Amino acid sequence: MKITGISIHQPVGLFRLLTDEGLEGWCTGVEAAFSQHCLDQMASVVIDQNPFNRERLWQELLRVDRENYTTLRGYIDIAIWDLMAKSIGIPVYRFINGFRDRVPVYKRGQIGLLPDQVIEEALQVKDEGYLGYKVSMHGRIERVVGLIGDLREAVGPDFHLIFDGRGQFIVADAIKVGRALDKMNFYWFEQPRPMNDTNGGKQVADNIDTPITVEVTTPLEASQVMSIQSADHIRTGMPYSGGFTDVLKIARCTEAFG
């Protein structure tokens, strides 16, 4: 099988890899700004290539991506994985050895709500059947800590609560928030410090019990977080971190650290 062309459909944002066997690899959600750039700069890397040489294509896309269009590379990589999975007749999640058919789901709350509105929204989320709720709130530290207690009291002891710091707390305040989360049995504390601040993150992690989750975009970032132990979990996503290839490399990195 060879890739014979690329087709991008806007405004729906559908990216198609065409082949000489009639199969197509798809990626949805492609931003219009990337369409022409994709055709001009990166099409030559994949045209007339076998999609099963995925790792070589990924390395070559990384080499030509001088402008760091990680999201753009992600679109192409996702479509390649989709094409490979279709060629053997299984979904992508099975092709990458996924085995679950159900995953737990939480809902992220709106940003900028007042404390009473946060509690109202959390109760609505619980009634809708979600297993958890993620809240983000900033301002005076006393107000934030007060909301943490009031929110737990409102939803009860068995509902999963997550607090997103959005990287906006100084270390001392992050520790204060984290200790309040400890008392109220929050599920995790997300991004208490800015991305890549592993030293500040470790200070927070060493002083609280609630697991810390941070976002990473490369295997190198994941290895730094895990080796320094500045967080307990990492999260990442596509296509902003690249495609399936990038995310699987990140996952294997974290697996190596247990």
Protein backbone atom coordinates (compact mmCIF):
# COMPACT_ATOMS: atom_id res chain seq x y z
CA MET A 1 0.00 0.00 0.00
CA LYS A 2 1.19 3.51 -0.81
CA ILE A 3 -0.12 6.93 0.18
CA THR A 4 -1.04 8.73 -3.04
CA GLY A 5 -2.46 12.03 -1.87
CA ILE A 6 -3.76 14.33 0.84
CA SER A 7 -7.17 15.96 0.86
CA ILE A 8 -8.38 18.49 3.41
CA HIS A 9 -12.02 19.50 3.63
CA GLN A 10 -12.96 22.79 5.26
CA PRO A 11 -14.88 24.10 7.10
CA VAL A 12 -15.55 20.61 8.53
CA GLY A 13 -11.84 20.07 9.22
CA LEU A 14 -11.51 16.57 7.76
CA PHE A 15 -7.99 15.43 6.84
CA ARG A 16 -7.77 12.45 4.44
CA LEU A 17 -4.78 10.35 3.47
CA LEU A 18 -5.55 8.67 0.14
CA THR A 19 -3.97 5.39 -1.01
CA ASP A 20 -3.56 3.30 -4.13
CA GLU A 21 -5.80 0.61 -2.58
CA GLY A 22 -8.77 2.89 -1.97
CA LEU A 23 -8.44 2.94 1.81
CA GLU A 24 -8.26 6.31 3.55
CA GLY A 25 -6.80 7.46 6.85
CA TRP A 26 -8.77 10.20 8.54
CA CYS A 27 -8.26 12.84 11.19
CA THR A 28 -11.03 15.23 12.20
CA GLY A 29 -10.85 18.67 13.77
CA VAL A 30 -8.13 20.07 11.49
CA GLU A 31 -7.85 23.83 11.88
CA ALA A 32 -8.21 25.83 8.66
CA ALA A 33 -4.98 27.72 9.30
CA PHE A 34 -2.95 24.54 8.90
CA SER A 35 -4.43 23.26 5.65
CA GLN A 36 -2.23 24.97 3.03
CA HIS A 37 0.87 24.73 5.18
CA CYS A 38 0.31 21.00 5.50
CA LEU A 39 0.09 20.56 1.75
CA ASP A 40 3.08 22.79 1.03
CA GLN A 41 5.57 21.59 3.63
CA MET A 42 4.77 18.07 4.73
CA ALA A 43 2.90 16.33 1.92
CA SER A 44 6.13 15.29 0.22
CA VAL A 45 7.15 13.33 3.33
CA VAL A 46 4.21 10.92 3.11
CA ILE A 47 3.31 10.80 -0.60
CA ASP A 48 4.38 7.49 -2.24
CA GLN A 49 5.25 6.05 1.17
CA ASN A 50 4.04 2.87 2.87
CA PRO A 51 1.98 3.90 5.96
CA PHE A 52 3.32 0.88 7.84
CA ASN A 53 6.69 2.61 7.91
CA ARG A 54 5.05 4.76 10.53
CA GLU A 55 8.05 5.30 12.79
CA ARG A 56 10.26 6.34 9.88
CA LEU A 57 7.58 8.73 8.65
CA TRP A 58 7.24 10.15 12.17
CA GLN A 59 10.98 10.73 12.38
CA GLU A 60 11.02 12.41 8.97
CA LEU A 61 8.05 14.65 9.84
CA LEU A 62 9.87 15.65 13.02
CA ARG A 63 12.97 16.48 10.96
CA VAL A 64 11.17 18.75 8.49
CA ASP A 65 9.06 20.42 11.18
CA ARG A 66 11.44 23.34 11.63
CA GLU A 67 8.64 25.66 12.72
CA ASN A 68 7.47 23.35 15.54
CA TYR A 69 4.01 22.70 14.16
CA THR A 70 3.44 19.86 16.62
CA THR A 71 -0.33 20.00 16.14
CA LEU A 72 0.08 19.70 12.38
CA ARG A 73 2.33 16.65 12.74
CA GLY A 74 -0.30 15.24 15.05
CA TYR A 75 -3.00 15.45 12.39
CA ILE A 76 -0.86 13.49 9.94
CA ASP A 77 0.19 10.89 12.48
CA ILE A 78 -3.40 10.29 13.60
CA ALA A 79 -4.46 9.75 10.00
CA ILE A 80 -1.60 7.27 9.45
CA TRP A 81 -2.63 5.23 12.49
CA ASP A 82 -6.25 5.29 11.33
CA LEU A 83 -5.18 4.05 7.90
CA MET A 84 -3.08 1.21 9.31
CA ALA A 85 -5.90 0.06 11.60
CA LYS A 86 -8.42 0.12 8.75
CA SER A 87 -6.11 -1.94 6.57
CA ILE A 88 -6.41 -4.88 8.97
CA GLY A 89 -10.02 -4.23 9.88
CA ILE A 90 -9.84 -3.21 13.54
CA PRO A 91 -10.41 0.06 15.43
CA VAL A 92 -7.38 2.17 16.27
CA TYR A 93 -7.77 1.55 20.00
CA ARG A 94 -7.37 -2.19 19.39
CA PHE A 95 -4.47 -1.59 17.04
CA ILE A 96 -2.55 0.13 19.87
CA ASN A 97 -3.48 -2.79 22.20
CA GLY A 98 -6.31 -1.05 24.03
CA PHE A 99 -8.53 -3.51 25.87
CA ARG A 100 -11.07 -1.48 27.85
CA ASP A 101 -14.55 -0.84 26.52
CA ARG A 102 -15.57 1.60 29.27
CA VAL A 103 -13.77 4.53 30.92
CA PRO A 104 -14.79 6.70 33.88
CA VAL A 105 -15.77 10.26 33.01
CA TYR A 106 -15.70 13.50 34.96
CA LYS A 107 -16.90 16.94 33.87
CA ARG A 108 -14.79 20.08 33.91
CA GLY A 109 -16.51 23.05 35.48
CA GLN A 110 -16.77 26.49 33.98
CA ILE A 111 -14.06 29.00 34.79
CA GLY A 112 -14.90 32.26 36.55
CA LEU A 113 -17.90 31.12 38.61
CA LEU A 114 -18.62 32.42 42.08
CA PRO A 115 -18.43 29.88 44.94
CA ASP A 116 -22.21 29.38 45.11
CA GLN A 117 -22.30 28.85 41.35
CA VAL A 118 -19.50 26.28 41.56
CA ILE A 119 -21.44 24.28 44.14
CA GLU A 120 -24.62 24.51 42.10
CA GLU A 121 -22.81 23.31 38.99
CA ALA A 122 -21.13 20.43 40.85
CA LEU A 123 -24.48 19.19 42.17
CA GLN A 124 -25.92 19.33 38.67
CA VAL A 125 -22.95 17.35 37.32
CA LYS A 126 -23.48 14.72 40.01
CA ASP A 127 -27.19 14.48 39.14
CA GLU A 128 -26.28 14.01 35.47
CA GLY A 129 -24.44 10.81 36.37
CA TYR A 130 -20.82 11.89 36.02
CA LEU A 131 -18.38 10.27 38.42
CA GLY A 132 -16.49 13.46 39.20
CA TYR A 133 -16.20 17.22 38.84
CA LYS A 134 -13.15 19.41 38.21
CA VAL A 135 -13.20 22.91 39.61
CA SER A 136 -10.87 25.83 38.93
CA MET A 137 -11.00 28.94 41.09
CA HIS A 138 -8.55 31.69 41.96
CA GLY A 139 -8.49 34.75 44.15
CA ARG A 140 -7.83 35.17 47.86
CA ILE A 141 -6.41 31.93 49.22
CA GLU A 142 -8.90 31.92 52.13
CA ARG A 143 -11.76 32.02 49.64
CA VAL A 144 -10.32 29.12 47.66
CA VAL A 145 -9.76 27.01 50.77
CA GLY A 146 -13.28 27.80 51.99
CA LEU A 147 -14.78 26.66 48.70
CA ILE A 148 -12.91 23.36 48.89
CA GLY A 149 -14.59 22.50 52.20
CA ASP A 150 -18.02 23.77 51.19
CA LEU A 151 -17.89 21.84 47.92
CA ARG A 152 -17.08 18.54 49.60
CA GLU A 153 -19.86 19.04 52.12
CA ALA A 154 -22.34 19.75 49.31
CA VAL A 155 -21.59 16.72 47.09
CA GLY A 156 -20.92 14.18 49.82
CA PRO A 157 -17.95 11.92 50.58
CA ASP A 158 -18.15 9.50 47.63
CA PHE A 159 -18.14 11.89 44.66
CA HIS A 160 -14.76 12.44 42.99
CA LEU A 161 -13.54 16.05 43.15
CA ILE A 162 -10.57 17.46 41.25
CA PHE A 163 -8.99 20.87 41.67
CA ASP A 164 -7.28 22.55 38.70
CA GLY A 165 -4.71 25.17 39.72
CA ARG A 166 -4.05 26.16 36.10
CA GLY A 167 -0.44 26.82 37.03
CA GLN A 168 -1.31 30.06 38.81
CA PHE A 169 -0.38 29.44 42.46
CA ILE A 170 2.86 30.44 44.10
CA VAL A 171 4.45 27.53 45.95
CA ALA A 172 3.29 28.58 49.44
CA ASP A 173 -0.33 29.04 48.32
CA ALA A 174 -0.27 25.80 46.35
CA ILE A 175 0.75 23.96 49.52
CA LYS A 176 -2.08 25.62 51.47
CA VAL A 177 -4.58 24.59 48.82
CA GLY A 178 -3.10 21.10 48.66
CA ARG A 179 -3.46 20.59 52.41
CA ALA A 180 -7.09 21.67 52.20
CA LEU A 181 -7.57 19.13 49.41
CA ASP A 182 -5.97 16.48 51.65
CA LYS A 183 -8.55 17.09 54.36
CA MET A 184 -11.44 16.96 51.89
CA ASN A 185 -10.20 13.84 50.06
CA PHE A 186 -9.91 15.36 46.59
CA TYR A 187 -8.96 12.94 43.84
CA TRP A 188 -6.07 14.99 42.44
CA PHE A 189 -4.59 18.49 42.31
CA GLU A 190 -3.96 19.49 38.71
CA GLN A 191 -1.20 21.86 37.60
CA PRO A 192 -0.54 23.68 40.90
CA ARG A 193 2.54 25.31 39.33
CA PRO A 194 3.27 26.52 35.77
CA MET A 195 4.17 23.89 33.20
CA ASN A 196 7.82 22.78 33.34
CA ASP A 197 8.35 24.14 36.86
CA THR A 198 9.48 20.77 38.18
CA ASN A 199 11.32 22.28 41.16
CA GLY A 200 8.25 24.16 42.39
CA GLY A 201 6.08 21.16 41.67
CA LYS A 202 8.30 18.93 43.77
CA GLN A 203 8.11 21.34 46.69
CA VAL A 204 4.31 21.09 46.55
CA ALA A 205 4.34 17.31 46.07
CA ASP A 206 6.64 16.82 49.06
CA ASN A 207 4.26 18.73 51.35
CA ILE A 208 0.83 17.29 50.47
CA ASP A 209 -0.77 13.86 50.15
CA THR A 210 -3.26 14.56 47.34
CA PRO A 211 -1.85 13.25 44.05
CA ILE A 212 -0.57 15.96 41.70
CA THR A 213 -1.29 15.82 37.98
CA VAL A 214 0.62 17.88 35.41
CA GLU A 215 0.41 18.26 31.66
CA VAL A 216 3.32 17.28 29.41
CA THR A 217 3.73 17.44 25.65
CA THR A 218 6.88 15.36 25.02
CA PRO A 219 8.52 12.19 26.39
CA LEU A 220 11.39 14.36 27.64
CA GLU A 221 9.00 16.44 29.75
CA ALA A 222 7.42 13.25 31.09
CA SER A 223 10.83 11.82 32.06
CA GLN A 224 11.76 15.04 33.86
CA VAL A 225 8.53 15.03 35.87
CA MET A 226 8.86 11.36 36.77
CA SER A 227 12.57 11.40 37.60
CA ILE A 228 12.27 14.46 39.85
CA GLN A 229 8.95 13.16 41.23
CA SER A 230 7.32 16.55 40.91
CA ALA A 231 3.96 14.90 40.17
CA ASP A 232 2.14 11.61 40.63
CA HIS A 233 0.26 11.58 37.32
CA ILE A 234 0.75 13.15 33.94
CA ARG A 235 -1.78 13.97 31.29
CA THR A 236 -1.37 14.74 27.62
CA GLY A 237 -3.48 14.81 24.49
CA MET A 238 -3.73 14.97 20.75
CA PRO A 239 -3.01 16.69 18.49
CA TYR A 240 -1.30 19.42 20.54
CA SER A 241 1.30 16.92 21.76
CA GLY A 242 1.58 15.27 18.36
CA GLY A 243 -0.27 12.15 17.29
CA PHE A 244 -0.70 8.61 18.57
CA THR A 245 3.03 8.02 18.17
CA ASP A 246 3.97 10.90 20.48
CA VAL A 247 1.40 10.01 23.12
CA LEU A 248 2.40 6.33 23.13
CA LYS A 249 6.04 7.34 23.60
CA ILE A 250 4.97 9.49 26.56
CA ALA A 251 2.93 6.62 28.00
CA ARG A 252 5.84 4.18 27.73
CA CYS A 253 8.10 6.69 29.42
CA THR A 254 5.78 7.00 32.40
CA GLU A 255 5.33 3.22 32.52
CA ALA A 256 9.09 2.88 32.89
CA PHE A 257 8.86 4.99 36.04
CA GLY A 258 6.00 2.91 37.41
